[in-house]
Amino acid sequence: GDIRRLYYHPRTQTLATCGRDKLVKLWSVETKDTTTNLTPLQTLPSHTMPVMNATMNLPGTRLVSGSRDNTVKLWDTQTGTLLKSRTIARNLVHCLAWTTDDIVVQGGENLRLYLWDVREDRLDSGSDQIAGVPDQPVCMIPDPATGYSVYVGYKGFTDAAAVIRLWDIRMKREVRFYKGHDKCLTDLAYIPDQKKPVIASASQDRTMRAWDQATAEPIAVTTLPCQGAPTDFALTDTLHAAVTTTEGELFIYNYDVASAQYTPDIVYTHQPQ
């Protein structure tokens, strides 16, 4: 089935994929096999609807997956064993993030963020709807500087809706607000520059942006020369960014830390047969 999300875990060099086939698959990027028929390390069944997101904890020993079947599931990545599952009614899951080894943050279509303490098997809810803005969280990343905050990107079609919010999950309150995109956020990344940490974002408005993490001020805007709308965005490391689009395009950009600017490196366009 179509792949909905890719997640790369650098410490274990493991790639997680999930999508419309209702499965999560784990792949080793260390394999020397150059054939096109690679065998996954693990195949994780159990969801009954497309899987929208999957992410791993820092050691790479646990994975959480979220689906349109309203569930979030916790897996052992070594054995493929389903450890725990949680269901929230009318909450199609869009995004997930680990803030520590034990806390998972989940966002979905019921406009809330949920905190799952997997140690105590407790699920708490915190409203993700402030100032009367009923927008859906669609992507999120943890803030590695604190360990207890998450950056959340929202779905929207105006600059008032397509925003990034920094949430303190301990206090369950918004800390900072990043505004500039005018269409749905696609993905987020954190660039740990020692002098000035940067939040990077991509959007269906066909731009990549860099933000001053501390002030929420935009540093740079890069317009993608793409035909389709961006579907996924990832930092392969602190120097390269990759963007895919709905038209099968792949853009690889070099990122210059000093100027916070992206410059094109590789452009690939898939030509349908």
Protein backbone atom coordinates (compact mmCIF):
# COMPACT_ATOMS: atom_id res chain seq x y z
CA GLY A 1 0.00 0.00 0.00
CA ASP A 2 0.93 3.67 -0.22
CA ILE A 3 3.50 4.76 2.37
CA ARG A 4 2.16 7.51 4.62
CA ARG A 5 5.23 8.24 6.72
CA LEU A 6 8.93 7.47 6.95
CA TYR A 7 10.82 7.64 10.22
CA TYR A 8 14.59 7.14 10.51
CA HIS A 9 16.23 6.26 13.83
CA PRO A 10 19.92 7.25 13.52
CA ARG A 11 21.19 5.40 16.60
CA THR A 12 19.98 1.98 15.39
CA GLN A 13 20.05 2.86 11.67
CA THR A 14 16.50 1.61 11.38
CA LEU A 15 13.84 2.95 9.03
CA ALA A 16 10.16 2.66 9.98
CA THR A 17 7.48 2.88 7.28
CA CYS A 18 3.71 2.92 7.65
CA GLY A 19 0.71 3.55 5.43
CA ARG A 20 -2.47 2.34 3.82
CA ASP A 21 -1.65 -1.36 4.17
CA LYS A 22 -2.36 -0.99 7.95
CA LEU A 23 1.16 -2.17 8.79
CA VAL A 24 4.31 -0.77 10.31
CA LYS A 25 7.54 -2.18 8.90
CA LEU A 26 11.07 -1.83 10.22
CA TRP A 27 14.02 -1.92 7.83
CA SER A 28 17.77 -1.96 8.35
CA VAL A 29 19.62 0.69 6.35
CA GLU A 30 22.87 -1.15 7.06
CA THR A 31 21.96 -4.05 4.76
CA LYS A 32 24.35 -4.84 1.92
CA ASP A 33 21.55 -6.36 -0.15
CA THR A 34 21.12 -4.24 -3.28
CA THR A 35 18.13 -6.13 -4.67
CA THR A 36 14.70 -4.53 -4.83
CA ASN A 37 13.05 -7.24 -2.69
CA LEU A 38 14.36 -6.47 0.78
CA THR A 39 12.90 -8.26 3.78
CA PRO A 40 11.84 -6.07 6.72
CA LEU A 41 13.34 -6.67 10.14
CA GLN A 42 9.85 -6.63 11.64
CA THR A 43 6.31 -6.34 10.34
CA LEU A 44 3.89 -5.01 12.95
CA PRO A 45 0.23 -5.84 12.26
CA SER A 46 -2.78 -5.08 14.47
CA HIS A 47 -4.20 -1.78 13.18
CA THR A 48 -7.48 -2.02 11.28
CA MET A 49 -7.17 1.24 9.33
CA PRO A 50 -4.28 3.06 7.59
CA VAL A 51 -1.36 3.88 9.89
CA MET A 52 -0.64 7.60 9.82
CA ASN A 53 2.51 7.87 11.92
CA ALA A 54 5.19 5.87 13.69
CA THR A 55 8.12 6.97 15.82
CA MET A 56 10.70 5.41 18.13
CA ASN A 57 12.10 6.29 21.54
CA LEU A 58 15.68 7.49 21.95
CA PRO A 59 17.27 4.05 22.54
CA GLY A 60 15.26 2.56 19.66
CA THR A 61 13.79 -0.21 21.82
CA ARG A 62 10.17 0.92 21.60
CA LEU A 63 7.97 2.21 18.77
CA VAL A 64 4.54 3.83 18.88
CA SER A 65 2.16 3.81 15.91
CA GLY A 66 -1.00 5.84 15.39
CA SER A 67 -3.83 5.03 13.01
CA ARG A 68 -7.14 6.18 11.61
CA ASP A 69 -8.67 3.37 13.69
CA ASN A 70 -8.41 5.75 16.72
CA THR A 71 -5.65 3.72 18.39
CA VAL A 72 -2.07 4.25 19.48
CA LYS A 73 0.01 1.10 19.93
CA LEU A 74 3.30 0.47 21.71
CA TRP A 75 5.70 -2.14 20.25
CA ASP A 76 8.95 -3.86 21.17
CA THR A 77 11.17 -3.18 18.15
CA GLN A 78 13.42 -6.19 18.74
CA THR A 79 10.72 -8.86 18.96
CA GLY A 80 7.82 -7.16 17.16
CA THR A 81 5.61 -7.79 20.21
CA LEU A 82 2.58 -5.55 20.79
CA LEU A 83 3.03 -4.30 24.37
CA LYS A 84 0.11 -1.93 24.89
CA SER A 85 -2.74 -0.31 22.98
CA ARG A 86 -4.92 2.71 23.69
CA THR A 87 -8.15 3.80 22.00
CA ILE A 88 -9.66 7.30 22.08
CA ALA A 89 -13.10 7.62 20.52
CA ARG A 90 -13.42 9.82 17.44
CA ASN A 91 -9.71 10.62 17.36
CA LEU A 92 -8.08 9.70 14.05
CA VAL A 93 -4.40 9.89 14.93
CA HIS A 94 -2.19 12.17 12.80
CA CYS A 95 1.04 12.73 14.70
CA LEU A 96 3.17 11.31 17.51
CA ALA A 97 6.32 12.27 19.40
CA TRP A 98 8.41 10.90 22.28
CA THR A 99 9.38 13.65 24.73
CA THR A 100 11.35 11.30 26.98
CA ASP A 101 11.82 7.54 26.97
CA ASP A 102 8.49 7.19 28.73
CA ILE A 103 6.10 9.93 27.55
CA VAL A 104 4.35 9.87 24.18
CA VAL A 105 2.42 12.86 22.83
CA GLN A 106 -0.39 12.19 20.36
CA GLY A 107 -2.39 14.58 18.17
CA GLY A 108 -5.46 13.85 16.08
CA GLU A 109 -8.72 15.03 14.62
CA ASN A 110 -10.44 15.75 17.92
CA LEU A 111 -8.21 18.86 18.31
CA ARG A 112 -6.43 17.70 21.46
CA LEU A 113 -3.01 16.56 22.51
CA TYR A 114 -2.86 13.40 24.60
CA LEU A 115 -0.01 12.43 26.91
CA TRP A 116 0.63 8.71 27.38
CA ASP A 117 2.90 7.75 30.27
CA VAL A 118 3.84 4.25 29.15
CA ARG A 119 5.43 3.48 32.54
CA GLU A 120 2.19 3.90 34.45
CA ASP A 121 -0.06 3.02 31.51
CA ARG A 122 -1.90 6.27 32.11
CA LEU A 123 -3.42 8.46 29.41
CA ASP A 124 -4.06 12.14 30.16
CA SER A 125 -5.71 14.68 27.88
CA GLY A 126 -4.87 18.35 27.50
CA SER A 127 -6.84 20.75 25.37
CA ASP A 128 -5.10 21.77 22.18
CA GLN A 129 -7.66 24.41 21.30
CA ILE A 130 -6.95 27.93 22.48
CA ALA A 131 -8.20 31.37 21.47
CA GLY A 132 -11.08 29.71 19.62
CA VAL A 133 -8.84 28.30 16.85
CA PRO A 134 -10.18 24.80 16.03
CA ASP A 135 -7.28 23.51 13.96
CA GLN A 136 -5.97 19.97 13.65
CA PRO A 137 -2.44 19.01 14.74
CA VAL A 138 -0.82 17.24 11.77
CA CYS A 139 2.89 16.99 12.64
CA MET A 140 5.04 17.29 15.73
CA ILE A 141 8.59 16.93 17.01
CA PRO A 142 10.00 16.92 20.54
CA ASP A 143 12.14 19.77 21.86
CA PRO A 144 15.43 18.02 22.74
CA ALA A 145 16.58 21.03 24.72
CA THR A 146 13.96 20.54 27.43
CA GLY A 147 12.68 16.98 27.09
CA TYR A 148 9.18 18.07 28.10
CA SER A 149 8.04 20.29 25.21
CA VAL A 150 6.79 19.59 21.69
CA TYR A 151 6.53 21.67 18.52
CA VAL A 152 3.20 21.05 16.78
CA GLY A 153 2.31 22.01 13.21
CA TYR A 154 -1.32 22.61 12.30
CA LYS A 155 -3.65 22.14 9.38
CA GLY A 156 -5.06 25.32 7.91
CA PHE A 157 -5.45 27.39 4.76
CA THR A 158 -4.65 30.85 6.14
CA ASP A 159 -1.63 32.24 7.97
CA ALA A 160 -3.75 32.37 11.13
CA ALA A 161 -4.37 28.62 11.04
CA ALA A 162 -1.26 27.07 9.46
CA VAL A 163 0.97 27.76 12.44
CA ILE A 164 3.50 26.08 14.71
CA ARG A 165 2.93 26.06 18.46
CA LEU A 166 5.41 25.11 21.17
CA TRP A 167 3.66 23.30 24.02
CA ASP A 168 4.93 22.68 27.54
CA ILE A 169 3.39 19.29 28.29
CA ARG A 170 4.03 19.54 32.04
CA MET A 171 2.02 22.75 32.40
CA LYS A 172 -0.25 21.90 29.43
CA ARG A 173 0.07 25.39 28.01
CA GLU A 174 1.32 27.10 24.89
CA VAL A 175 4.76 28.66 25.21
CA ARG A 176 5.47 30.10 21.75
CA PHE A 177 3.75 30.73 18.43
CA TYR A 178 5.38 30.60 14.95
CA LYS A 179 3.37 32.24 12.16
CA GLY A 180 4.19 32.61 8.47
CA HIS A 181 2.97 29.65 6.41
CA ASP A 182 -0.41 30.07 4.74
CA LYS A 183 -1.26 26.41 4.05
CA CYS A 184 -1.19 23.17 6.00
CA LEU A 185 2.12 22.29 7.68
CA THR A 186 3.76 19.15 6.28
CA ASP A 187 6.56 18.41 8.72
CA LEU A 188 8.97 19.91 11.24
CA ALA A 189 12.61 19.43 12.19
CA TYR A 190 14.90 20.74 14.94
CA ILE A 191 18.39 21.99 14.02
CA PRO A 192 20.56 22.03 17.17
CA ASP A 193 22.88 24.90 16.33
CA GLN A 194 24.94 25.73 19.42
CA LYS A 195 24.60 29.49 18.98
CA LYS A 196 21.02 29.70 17.76
CA PRO A 197 18.82 26.57 17.59
CA VAL A 198 16.55 26.64 14.54
CA ILE A 199 13.12 25.17 13.87
CA ALA A 200 12.72 24.09 10.25
CA SER A 201 9.33 23.58 8.61
CA ALA A 202 7.76 22.66 5.28
CA SER A 203 4.25 23.38 4.11
CA GLN A 204 1.76 22.79 1.34
CA ASP A 205 2.36 26.45 0.43
CA ARG A 206 5.52 25.07 -1.28
CA THR A 207 7.97 26.75 1.08
CA MET A 208 10.56 25.65 3.60
CA ARG A 209 11.16 28.02 6.46
CA ALA A 210 13.75 28.44 9.20
CA TRP A 211 12.73 30.01 12.51
CA ASP A 212 14.68 31.39 15.44
CA GLN A 213 13.73 28.89 18.13
CA ALA A 214 13.88 31.41 20.98
CA THR A 215 12.09 34.38 19.40
CA ALA A 216 9.81 32.62 16.85
CA GLU A 217 11.04 35.10 14.24
CA PRO A 218 11.46 33.81 10.66
CA ILE A 219 15.09 33.62 9.56
CA ALA A 220 14.76 32.40 5.99
CA VAL A 221 12.15 31.32 3.44
CA THR A 222 12.89 28.99 0.53
CA THR A 223 10.28 28.55 -2.21
CA LEU A 224 10.33 25.09 -3.75
CA PRO A 225 10.16 24.98 -7.58
CA CYS A 226 7.82 22.00 -7.42
CA GLN A 227 4.71 21.00 -9.34
CA GLY A 228 3.09 19.11 -6.47
CA ALA A 229 2.45 20.01 -2.86
CA PRO A 230 5.07 18.85 -0.33
CA THR A 231 4.07 15.65 1.44
CA ASP A 232 7.05 14.91 3.66
CA PHE A 233 10.09 16.76 4.94
CA ALA A 234 13.12 15.41 6.75
CA LEU A 235 16.56 16.50 7.82
CA THR A 236 18.97 13.72 6.93
CA ASP A 237 21.43 15.50 9.23
CA THR A 238 22.03 19.13 10.14
CA LEU A 239 23.36 19.88 6.64
CA HIS A 240 20.79 18.35 4.28
CA ALA A 241 17.02 18.56 3.91
CA ALA A 242 14.84 16.28 1.78
CA VAL A 243 11.33 17.08 0.54
CA THR A 244 8.90 14.85 -1.38
CA THR A 245 5.77 16.02 -3.21
CA THR A 246 2.44 14.71 -4.46
CA GLU A 247 3.86 14.62 -8.01
CA GLY A 248 6.68 12.20 -7.15
CA GLU A 249 9.33 14.89 -6.93
CA LEU A 250 12.28 14.66 -4.55
CA PHE A 251 14.32 17.73 -3.60
CA ILE A 252 17.57 17.55 -1.66
CA TYR A 253 18.81 20.86 -0.26
CA ASN A 254 22.04 21.79 1.46
CA TYR A 255 21.51 23.74 4.67
CA ASP A 256 24.00 26.41 5.68
CA VAL A 257 23.96 26.84 9.45
CA ALA A 258 25.58 30.30 9.43
CA SER A 259 23.00 31.87 7.11
CA ALA A 260 20.10 29.47 7.81
CA GLN A 261 19.65 29.25 4.03
CA TYR A 262 18.77 26.24 1.87
CA THR A 263 20.45 25.81 -1.53
CA PRO A 264 19.40 23.17 -4.10
CA ASP A 265 21.56 20.07 -4.38
CA ILE A 266 19.57 17.30 -6.11
CA VAL A 267 16.20 17.40 -7.85
CA TYR A 268 14.58 14.13 -8.90
CA THR A 269 11.24 13.80 -10.66
CA HIS A 270 9.53 10.44 -10.98
CA GLN A 271 8.12 9.85 -14.44
CA PRO A 272 5.05 7.56 -14.40
CA GLN A 273 5.26 4.60 -16.77
